[in-house]
């Protein structure tokens, strides 16, 4: 891939020029949600519509340091590295290379908080640093990002309850 992204630590989630956090309560236990999010990336296209191909590079076990390939909209490709893997609690990764110009750093974090044995509060944070045109597109697209999250969480909840 052509573009190398700047490495960042977890503090980037708080200091990134563009940050978006979405939260939803899911009718599913935290372990089942984490399993769908982290343990089985190949399932992402079933619940996150823009994803076409998501898989880990290399054999299990997976965790901190594992590299994941991600393709969106049949067009955008990225390689990400897992930086936090806490089963049932938290999953975070940063993109380290992509084929799309304009993004200089990107990180995502999923935080799970069980509210009952069968309910989980799920919070997703997207943190990006980019060149000005991309930053403007991200700002303008916040409603679209929120809508993608809502629809994805509906599908994710359904998958968690079928597992």
N, C-alpha and C. Protein backbone atom coordinates (compact mmCIF):
# COMPACT_ATOMS: atom_id res chain seq x y z
N UNK A 1 0.84 -1.17 0.00
CA UNK A 1 0.00 0.00 0.00
C UNK A 1 0.88 1.24 0.00
N UNK A 2 0.38 2.27 -0.57
CA UNK A 2 1.20 3.43 -0.87
C UNK A 2 1.44 4.39 0.29
N UNK A 3 0.48 4.53 1.20
CA UNK A 3 0.57 5.57 2.22
C UNK A 3 0.78 4.99 3.61
N UNK A 4 1.85 5.43 4.26
CA UNK A 4 2.14 5.02 5.64
C UNK A 4 1.51 6.05 6.57
N UNK A 5 0.81 5.58 7.58
CA UNK A 5 0.19 6.48 8.55
C UNK A 5 1.08 6.63 9.77
N UNK A 6 0.92 7.73 10.45
CA UNK A 6 1.72 8.04 11.62
C UNK A 6 1.29 7.14 12.78
N UNK A 7 2.24 6.51 13.46
CA UNK A 7 1.87 5.69 14.62
C UNK A 7 1.44 6.60 15.78
N UNK A 8 0.45 6.17 16.50
CA UNK A 8 -0.07 6.92 17.66
C UNK A 8 -0.33 5.97 18.81
N UNK A 9 -0.31 6.52 20.03
CA UNK A 9 -0.68 5.73 21.21
C UNK A 9 -2.16 5.96 21.51
N UNK A 10 -2.68 5.29 22.53
CA UNK A 10 -4.10 5.38 22.84
C UNK A 10 -4.55 6.80 23.19
N UNK A 11 -3.63 7.66 23.61
CA UNK A 11 -3.98 9.04 23.90
C UNK A 11 -4.52 9.78 22.68
N UNK A 12 -4.22 9.26 21.49
CA UNK A 12 -4.72 9.86 20.25
C UNK A 12 -6.25 9.88 20.22
N UNK A 13 -6.88 8.93 20.90
CA UNK A 13 -8.34 8.88 20.94
C UNK A 13 -8.92 10.15 21.55
N UNK A 14 -8.15 10.83 22.38
CA UNK A 14 -8.59 12.07 23.02
C UNK A 14 -8.09 13.33 22.31
N UNK A 15 -6.99 13.24 21.59
CA UNK A 15 -6.39 14.45 21.03
C UNK A 15 -6.48 14.56 19.51
N UNK A 16 -7.07 13.59 18.86
CA UNK A 16 -7.17 13.63 17.39
C UNK A 16 -8.00 14.84 16.95
N UNK A 17 -7.63 15.45 15.84
CA UNK A 17 -8.40 16.59 15.34
C UNK A 17 -9.85 16.23 14.99
N UNK A 18 -10.09 15.01 14.54
CA UNK A 18 -11.47 14.55 14.30
C UNK A 18 -11.72 13.34 15.18
N UNK A 19 -12.76 13.43 16.01
CA UNK A 19 -13.16 12.31 16.87
C UNK A 19 -14.68 12.18 16.80
N UNK A 20 -15.11 10.96 16.73
CA UNK A 20 -16.55 10.69 16.76
C UNK A 20 -16.75 9.48 17.65
N UNK A 21 -17.63 9.61 18.64
CA UNK A 21 -17.96 8.50 19.51
C UNK A 21 -19.45 8.22 19.40
N UNK A 22 -19.79 6.96 19.19
CA UNK A 22 -21.17 6.51 19.11
C UNK A 22 -21.36 5.42 20.15
N UNK A 23 -22.54 5.40 20.77
CA UNK A 23 -22.81 4.44 21.84
C UNK A 23 -24.18 3.82 21.62
N UNK A 24 -24.27 2.55 22.00
CA UNK A 24 -25.56 1.86 21.89
C UNK A 24 -25.61 0.72 22.90
N UNK A 25 -26.78 0.49 23.45
CA UNK A 25 -27.01 -0.68 24.30
C UNK A 25 -27.44 -1.83 23.40
N UNK A 26 -26.75 -2.96 23.53
CA UNK A 26 -27.07 -4.15 22.74
C UNK A 26 -27.65 -5.22 23.65
N UNK A 27 -28.66 -5.92 23.15
CA UNK A 27 -29.20 -7.07 23.87
C UNK A 27 -28.34 -8.29 23.55
N UNK A 28 -27.18 -8.31 24.16
CA UNK A 28 -26.24 -9.41 23.96
C UNK A 28 -25.17 -9.31 25.05
N UNK A 29 -24.67 -10.45 25.52
CA UNK A 29 -23.60 -10.41 26.53
C UNK A 29 -22.30 -9.87 25.94
N UNK A 30 -21.51 -9.23 26.77
CA UNK A 30 -20.26 -8.59 26.34
C UNK A 30 -19.32 -9.58 25.66
N UNK A 31 -19.24 -10.81 26.15
CA UNK A 31 -18.34 -11.79 25.53
C UNK A 31 -18.77 -12.12 24.10
N UNK A 32 -20.07 -12.19 23.85
CA UNK A 32 -20.56 -12.47 22.49
C UNK A 32 -20.27 -11.29 21.57
N UNK A 33 -20.42 -10.08 22.07
CA UNK A 33 -20.15 -8.88 21.27
C UNK A 33 -18.65 -8.83 20.93
N UNK A 34 -17.81 -9.05 21.93
CA UNK A 34 -16.37 -9.03 21.70
C UNK A 34 -15.97 -10.09 20.68
N UNK A 35 -16.58 -11.25 20.77
CA UNK A 35 -16.28 -12.34 19.84
C UNK A 35 -16.54 -11.90 18.39
N UNK A 36 -17.66 -11.23 18.16
CA UNK A 36 -17.99 -10.76 16.81
C UNK A 36 -17.05 -9.64 16.36
N UNK A 37 -16.71 -8.74 17.28
CA UNK A 37 -15.85 -7.60 16.94
C UNK A 37 -14.40 -7.99 16.69
N UNK A 38 -13.86 -8.81 17.58
CA UNK A 38 -12.42 -9.04 17.58
C UNK A 38 -12.00 -10.43 17.13
N UNK A 39 -12.67 -11.44 17.61
CA UNK A 39 -12.20 -12.80 17.36
C UNK A 39 -12.49 -13.29 15.94
N UNK A 40 -13.50 -12.73 15.31
CA UNK A 40 -13.91 -13.20 13.98
C UNK A 40 -14.05 -12.05 13.00
N UNK A 41 -12.94 -11.45 12.55
CA UNK A 41 -13.04 -10.30 11.65
C UNK A 41 -13.70 -10.64 10.31
N UNK A 42 -13.63 -11.89 9.90
CA UNK A 42 -14.23 -12.27 8.62
C UNK A 42 -15.75 -12.08 8.61
N UNK A 43 -16.34 -11.93 9.78
CA UNK A 43 -17.79 -11.74 9.90
C UNK A 43 -18.18 -10.27 9.72
N UNK A 44 -17.24 -9.34 9.80
CA UNK A 44 -17.56 -7.92 9.71
C UNK A 44 -18.45 -7.56 8.52
N UNK A 45 -18.21 -8.08 7.32
CA UNK A 45 -19.08 -7.70 6.20
C UNK A 45 -20.56 -8.07 6.42
N UNK A 46 -20.83 -9.00 7.32
CA UNK A 46 -22.22 -9.38 7.59
C UNK A 46 -22.93 -8.34 8.46
N UNK A 47 -22.19 -7.57 9.23
CA UNK A 47 -22.87 -6.57 10.07
C UNK A 47 -22.45 -5.13 9.76
N UNK A 48 -21.29 -4.92 9.12
CA UNK A 48 -20.85 -3.58 8.76
C UNK A 48 -20.83 -3.48 7.24
N UNK A 49 -21.88 -2.91 6.67
CA UNK A 49 -22.11 -2.93 5.22
C UNK A 49 -20.94 -2.44 4.36
N UNK A 50 -20.21 -1.38 4.73
CA UNK A 50 -19.12 -0.94 3.86
C UNK A 50 -17.95 -1.92 3.77
N UNK A 51 -17.83 -2.84 4.72
CA UNK A 51 -16.70 -3.78 4.73
C UNK A 51 -16.89 -4.87 3.70
N UNK A 52 -15.84 -5.14 2.93
CA UNK A 52 -15.89 -6.21 1.93
C UNK A 52 -15.00 -7.39 2.30
N UNK A 53 -13.89 -7.10 2.93
CA UNK A 53 -12.95 -8.15 3.29
C UNK A 53 -12.22 -7.70 4.56
N UNK A 54 -12.34 -8.50 5.59
CA UNK A 54 -11.65 -8.22 6.85
C UNK A 54 -11.06 -9.54 7.33
N UNK A 55 -9.76 -9.56 7.55
CA UNK A 55 -9.15 -10.79 8.04
C UNK A 55 -7.81 -10.48 8.72
N UNK A 56 -7.43 -11.36 9.63
CA UNK A 56 -6.12 -11.24 10.26
C UNK A 56 -5.07 -11.84 9.34
N UNK A 57 -3.90 -11.24 9.38
CA UNK A 57 -2.77 -11.78 8.62
C UNK A 57 -1.97 -12.64 9.59
N UNK A 58 -1.79 -13.86 9.26
CA UNK A 58 -1.06 -14.77 10.13
C UNK A 58 -2.00 -15.65 10.94
N UNK A 59 -1.42 -16.66 11.56
CA UNK A 59 -2.22 -17.64 12.31
C UNK A 59 -2.56 -17.14 13.72
N UNK A 60 -3.60 -17.76 14.34
CA UNK A 60 -3.90 -17.44 15.73
C UNK A 60 -2.77 -17.93 16.63
N UNK A 61 -2.70 -17.53 17.87
CA UNK A 61 -3.71 -16.70 18.55
C UNK A 61 -3.57 -15.24 18.17
N UNK A 62 -4.71 -14.52 18.20
CA UNK A 62 -4.73 -13.11 17.86
C UNK A 62 -4.76 -12.27 19.13
N UNK A 63 -4.23 -11.07 19.04
CA UNK A 63 -4.21 -10.17 20.18
C UNK A 63 -3.37 -8.95 19.84
N UNK A 64 -2.85 -8.29 20.86
CA UNK A 64 -2.04 -7.09 20.66
C UNK A 64 -0.87 -7.42 19.73
N UNK A 65 -0.70 -6.58 18.72
CA UNK A 65 0.37 -6.77 17.74
C UNK A 65 -0.10 -7.44 16.45
N UNK A 66 -1.23 -8.12 16.48
CA UNK A 66 -1.75 -8.77 15.28
C UNK A 66 -2.10 -7.73 14.22
N UNK A 67 -1.84 -8.06 12.97
CA UNK A 67 -2.16 -7.17 11.85
C UNK A 67 -3.43 -7.67 11.17
N UNK A 68 -4.29 -6.72 10.86
CA UNK A 68 -5.57 -7.03 10.22
C UNK A 68 -5.66 -6.27 8.90
N UNK A 69 -6.13 -6.95 7.87
CA UNK A 69 -6.40 -6.33 6.58
C UNK A 69 -7.87 -5.95 6.55
N UNK A 70 -8.16 -4.77 6.00
CA UNK A 70 -9.53 -4.26 5.97
C UNK A 70 -9.77 -3.61 4.62
N UNK A 71 -10.85 -3.97 3.93
CA UNK A 71 -11.22 -3.33 2.67
C UNK A 71 -12.65 -2.80 2.78
N UNK A 72 -12.81 -1.51 2.44
CA UNK A 72 -14.11 -0.84 2.49
C UNK A 72 -14.55 -0.44 1.08
N UNK A 73 -15.83 -0.57 0.85
CA UNK A 73 -16.43 -0.10 -0.41
C UNK A 73 -15.71 -0.64 -1.65
N UNK A 74 -15.13 -1.81 -1.57
CA UNK A 74 -14.40 -2.44 -2.67
C UNK A 74 -13.23 -1.59 -3.15
N UNK A 75 -12.86 -0.57 -2.44
CA UNK A 75 -11.93 0.42 -2.93
C UNK A 75 -10.79 0.74 -1.96
N UNK A 76 -11.16 1.06 -0.75
CA UNK A 76 -10.19 1.51 0.24
C UNK A 76 -9.63 0.30 0.97
N UNK A 77 -8.31 0.22 1.00
CA UNK A 77 -7.66 -0.89 1.72
C UNK A 77 -6.79 -0.31 2.83
N UNK A 78 -6.72 -1.05 3.92
CA UNK A 78 -5.86 -0.63 5.03
C UNK A 78 -5.33 -1.86 5.75
N UNK A 79 -4.16 -1.67 6.33
CA UNK A 79 -3.62 -2.68 7.25
C UNK A 79 -3.61 -2.00 8.61
N UNK A 80 -4.14 -2.70 9.59
CA UNK A 80 -4.28 -2.17 10.94
C UNK A 80 -3.55 -3.08 11.91
N UNK A 81 -3.13 -2.50 13.01
CA UNK A 81 -2.48 -3.29 14.05
C UNK A 81 -3.29 -3.19 15.33
N UNK A 82 -3.56 -4.34 15.93
CA UNK A 82 -4.30 -4.37 17.19
C UNK A 82 -3.40 -3.81 18.29
N UNK A 83 -3.92 -2.83 19.04
CA UNK A 83 -3.14 -2.23 20.12
C UNK A 83 -3.75 -2.49 21.50
N UNK A 84 -5.01 -2.91 21.53
CA UNK A 84 -5.64 -3.30 22.79
C UNK A 84 -6.56 -4.48 22.52
N UNK A 85 -6.43 -5.51 23.34
CA UNK A 85 -7.26 -6.71 23.22
C UNK A 85 -7.59 -7.17 24.63
N UNK A 86 -8.75 -6.76 25.11
CA UNK A 86 -9.21 -7.14 26.45
C UNK A 86 -10.57 -7.81 26.29
N UNK A 87 -10.60 -9.15 26.20
CA UNK A 87 -11.85 -9.87 25.93
C UNK A 87 -13.00 -9.42 26.84
N UNK A 88 -14.12 -9.11 26.18
CA UNK A 88 -15.32 -8.69 26.88
C UNK A 88 -15.29 -7.25 27.35
N UNK A 89 -14.16 -6.52 27.11
CA UNK A 89 -14.05 -5.16 27.63
C UNK A 89 -13.66 -4.11 26.59
N UNK A 90 -12.56 -4.37 25.86
CA UNK A 90 -12.05 -3.33 24.98
C UNK A 90 -11.23 -3.92 23.84
N UNK A 91 -11.35 -3.28 22.67
CA UNK A 91 -10.66 -3.70 21.45
C UNK A 91 -10.30 -2.42 20.70
N UNK A 92 -9.01 -2.22 20.42
CA UNK A 92 -8.58 -1.01 19.71
C UNK A 92 -7.51 -1.37 18.70
N UNK A 93 -7.45 -0.57 17.63
CA UNK A 93 -6.47 -0.78 16.58
C UNK A 93 -6.17 0.55 15.91
N UNK A 94 -4.99 0.60 15.29
CA UNK A 94 -4.61 1.78 14.53
C UNK A 94 -4.24 1.34 13.12
N UNK A 95 -4.60 2.16 12.16
CA UNK A 95 -4.21 1.88 10.78
C UNK A 95 -2.75 2.30 10.62
N UNK A 96 -1.95 1.48 9.97
CA UNK A 96 -0.57 1.88 9.74
C UNK A 96 -0.23 2.04 8.26
N UNK A 97 -1.09 1.56 7.38
CA UNK A 97 -0.91 1.85 5.96
C UNK A 97 -2.24 1.72 5.23
N UNK A 98 -2.34 2.48 4.14
CA UNK A 98 -3.58 2.48 3.35
C UNK A 98 -3.26 2.83 1.89
N UNK A 99 -4.22 2.60 1.04
CA UNK A 99 -4.07 3.00 -0.35
C UNK A 99 -4.76 4.34 -0.62
N UNK A 100 -5.38 4.93 0.41
CA UNK A 100 -6.11 6.18 0.24
C UNK A 100 -5.29 7.38 0.74
N UNK A 101 -5.15 8.40 -0.08
CA UNK A 101 -4.39 9.57 0.34
C UNK A 101 -5.19 10.46 1.30
N UNK A 102 -4.47 11.27 2.06
CA UNK A 102 -5.12 12.31 2.86
C UNK A 102 -5.24 12.03 4.34
N UNK A 103 -5.32 10.77 4.73
CA UNK A 103 -5.39 10.44 6.16
C UNK A 103 -3.96 10.26 6.65
N UNK A 104 -3.63 10.90 7.78
CA UNK A 104 -2.27 10.81 8.31
C UNK A 104 -2.17 9.94 9.55
N UNK A 105 -3.29 9.75 10.27
CA UNK A 105 -3.33 8.86 11.44
C UNK A 105 -4.79 8.46 11.66
N UNK A 106 -5.00 7.20 12.04
CA UNK A 106 -6.36 6.70 12.25
C UNK A 106 -6.33 5.63 13.33
N UNK A 107 -7.26 5.74 14.26
CA UNK A 107 -7.39 4.76 15.34
C UNK A 107 -8.87 4.59 15.65
N UNK A 108 -9.23 3.37 16.05
CA UNK A 108 -10.59 3.08 16.49
C UNK A 108 -10.53 2.28 17.77
N UNK A 109 -11.53 2.51 18.62
CA UNK A 109 -11.63 1.75 19.86
C UNK A 109 -13.08 1.37 20.11
N UNK A 110 -13.28 0.13 20.53
CA UNK A 110 -14.58 -0.39 20.93
C UNK A 110 -14.50 -0.69 22.42
N UNK A 111 -15.38 -0.09 23.21
CA UNK A 111 -15.41 -0.32 24.65
C UNK A 111 -16.75 -0.97 25.01
N UNK A 112 -16.67 -2.07 25.75
CA UNK A 112 -17.86 -2.82 26.12
C UNK A 112 -18.04 -2.76 27.63
N UNK A 113 -19.26 -2.46 28.05
CA UNK A 113 -19.57 -2.41 29.48
C UNK A 113 -20.85 -3.20 29.71
N UNK A 114 -20.74 -4.38 30.32
CA UNK A 114 -21.96 -5.15 30.59
C UNK A 114 -22.87 -4.36 31.54
N UNK A 115 -24.15 -4.29 31.21
CA UNK A 115 -25.11 -3.64 32.09
C UNK A 115 -25.93 -4.69 32.84
N UNK A 116 -26.09 -5.86 32.23
CA UNK A 116 -26.67 -7.06 32.87
C UNK A 116 -25.95 -8.24 32.23
N UNK A 117 -26.32 -9.45 32.60
CA UNK A 117 -25.71 -10.63 31.98
C UNK A 117 -26.02 -10.71 30.48
N UNK A 118 -27.14 -10.10 30.07
CA UNK A 118 -27.57 -10.22 28.68
C UNK A 118 -27.56 -8.88 27.93
N UNK A 119 -27.02 -7.83 28.54
CA UNK A 119 -27.00 -6.50 27.91
C UNK A 119 -25.59 -5.91 28.00
N UNK A 120 -25.20 -5.22 26.92
CA UNK A 120 -23.88 -4.59 26.87
C UNK A 120 -24.02 -3.18 26.31
N UNK A 121 -23.40 -2.24 27.00
CA UNK A 121 -23.28 -0.89 26.46
C UNK A 121 -22.01 -0.87 25.63
N UNK A 122 -22.16 -0.60 24.34
CA UNK A 122 -21.04 -0.60 23.41
C UNK A 122 -20.76 0.83 22.96
N UNK A 123 -19.51 1.24 23.08
CA UNK A 123 -19.09 2.57 22.66
C UNK A 123 -17.97 2.42 21.63
N UNK A 124 -18.11 3.13 20.52
CA UNK A 124 -17.12 3.10 19.44
C UNK A 124 -16.58 4.50 19.25
N UNK A 125 -15.26 4.63 19.23
CA UNK A 125 -14.62 5.92 18.97
C UNK A 125 -13.75 5.81 17.73
N UNK A 126 -13.94 6.75 16.84
CA UNK A 126 -13.14 6.90 15.62
C UNK A 126 -12.31 8.16 15.80
N UNK A 127 -11.00 8.05 15.64
CA UNK A 127 -10.09 9.19 15.80
C UNK A 127 -9.22 9.29 14.55
N UNK A 128 -9.20 10.47 13.93
CA UNK A 128 -8.49 10.64 12.66
C UNK A 128 -7.77 11.99 12.63
N UNK A 129 -6.56 11.96 12.07
CA UNK A 129 -5.88 13.18 11.67
C UNK A 129 -5.74 13.08 10.16
N UNK A 130 -5.98 14.19 9.49
CA UNK A 130 -5.98 14.15 8.02
C UNK A 130 -5.64 15.53 7.46
N UNK A 131 -5.46 15.53 6.16
CA UNK A 131 -5.26 16.79 5.44
C UNK A 131 -6.61 17.53 5.40
N UNK A 132 -6.60 18.85 5.24
CA UNK A 132 -7.83 19.65 5.33
C UNK A 132 -9.02 19.16 4.49
N UNK A 133 -8.85 18.74 3.22
CA UNK A 133 -10.05 18.31 2.47
C UNK A 133 -10.73 17.09 3.11
N UNK A 134 -9.95 16.15 3.61
CA UNK A 134 -10.52 14.95 4.27
C UNK A 134 -11.20 15.36 5.57
N UNK A 135 -10.57 16.26 6.31
CA UNK A 135 -11.16 16.73 7.56
C UNK A 135 -12.53 17.37 7.31
N UNK A 136 -12.65 18.16 6.27
CA UNK A 136 -13.93 18.77 5.93
C UNK A 136 -14.97 17.71 5.56
N UNK A 137 -14.56 16.71 4.80
CA UNK A 137 -15.48 15.62 4.45
C UNK A 137 -15.94 14.86 5.69
N UNK A 138 -15.03 14.62 6.62
CA UNK A 138 -15.40 13.92 7.85
C UNK A 138 -16.42 14.74 8.66
N UNK A 139 -16.16 16.02 8.79
CA UNK A 139 -17.09 16.90 9.53
C UNK A 139 -18.47 16.89 8.86
N UNK A 140 -18.47 17.01 7.54
CA UNK A 140 -19.74 17.03 6.81
C UNK A 140 -20.46 15.69 6.87
N UNK A 141 -19.71 14.61 7.03
CA UNK A 141 -20.29 13.27 7.02
C UNK A 141 -20.64 12.69 8.38
N UNK A 142 -20.65 13.50 9.42
CA UNK A 142 -20.90 12.97 10.77
C UNK A 142 -22.25 12.25 10.89
N UNK A 143 -23.27 12.79 10.28
CA UNK A 143 -24.59 12.12 10.34
C UNK A 143 -24.54 10.76 9.64
N UNK A 144 -23.82 10.72 8.54
CA UNK A 144 -23.67 9.45 7.81
C UNK A 144 -22.92 8.42 8.68
N UNK A 145 -21.88 8.86 9.36
CA UNK A 145 -21.13 7.98 10.27
C UNK A 145 -22.06 7.45 11.35
N UNK A 146 -22.87 8.33 11.94
CA UNK A 146 -23.81 7.91 12.98
C UNK A 146 -24.82 6.89 12.45
N UNK A 147 -25.32 7.14 11.24
CA UNK A 147 -26.29 6.23 10.63
C UNK A 147 -25.66 4.86 10.34
N UNK A 148 -24.43 4.85 9.82
CA UNK A 148 -23.73 3.58 9.59
C UNK A 148 -23.59 2.81 10.90
N UNK A 149 -23.23 3.51 11.97
CA UNK A 149 -23.08 2.87 13.27
C UNK A 149 -24.41 2.27 13.74
N UNK A 150 -25.50 3.04 13.67
CA UNK A 150 -26.81 2.53 14.13
C UNK A 150 -27.21 1.27 13.38
N UNK A 151 -27.09 1.31 12.06
CA UNK A 151 -27.47 0.13 11.26
C UNK A 151 -26.56 -1.06 11.55
N UNK A 152 -25.27 -0.80 11.68
CA UNK A 152 -24.33 -1.88 11.97
C UNK A 152 -24.63 -2.51 13.32
N UNK A 153 -24.98 -1.71 14.31
CA UNK A 153 -25.25 -2.25 15.64
C UNK A 153 -26.51 -3.10 15.65
N UNK A 154 -27.50 -2.75 14.86
CA UNK A 154 -28.69 -3.58 14.74
C UNK A 154 -28.33 -4.96 14.20
N UNK A 155 -27.50 -4.97 13.15
CA UNK A 155 -27.09 -6.26 12.55
C UNK A 155 -26.16 -7.04 13.49
N UNK A 156 -25.25 -6.32 14.16
CA UNK A 156 -24.33 -6.97 15.10
C UNK A 156 -25.11 -7.62 16.24
N UNK A 157 -26.08 -6.92 16.76
CA UNK A 157 -26.92 -7.48 17.84
C UNK A 157 -27.60 -8.77 17.39
N UNK A 158 -28.11 -8.76 16.17
CA UNK A 158 -28.75 -9.97 15.63
C UNK A 158 -27.78 -11.13 15.51
N UNK A 159 -26.57 -10.86 15.04
CA UNK A 159 -25.56 -11.92 14.92
C UNK A 159 -25.16 -12.47 16.29
N UNK A 160 -25.03 -11.60 17.26
CA UNK A 160 -24.65 -12.03 18.61
C UNK A 160 -25.70 -12.96 19.20
N UNK A 161 -26.95 -12.72 18.86
CA UNK A 161 -28.03 -13.52 19.43
C UNK A 161 -28.26 -14.82 18.66
N UNK A 162 -27.66 -14.95 17.48
CA UNK A 162 -27.74 -16.21 16.73
C UNK A 162 -26.59 -17.14 17.06
N UNK A 163 -25.52 -16.59 17.63
CA UNK A 163 -24.31 -17.38 17.90
C UNK A 163 -24.54 -18.37 19.03
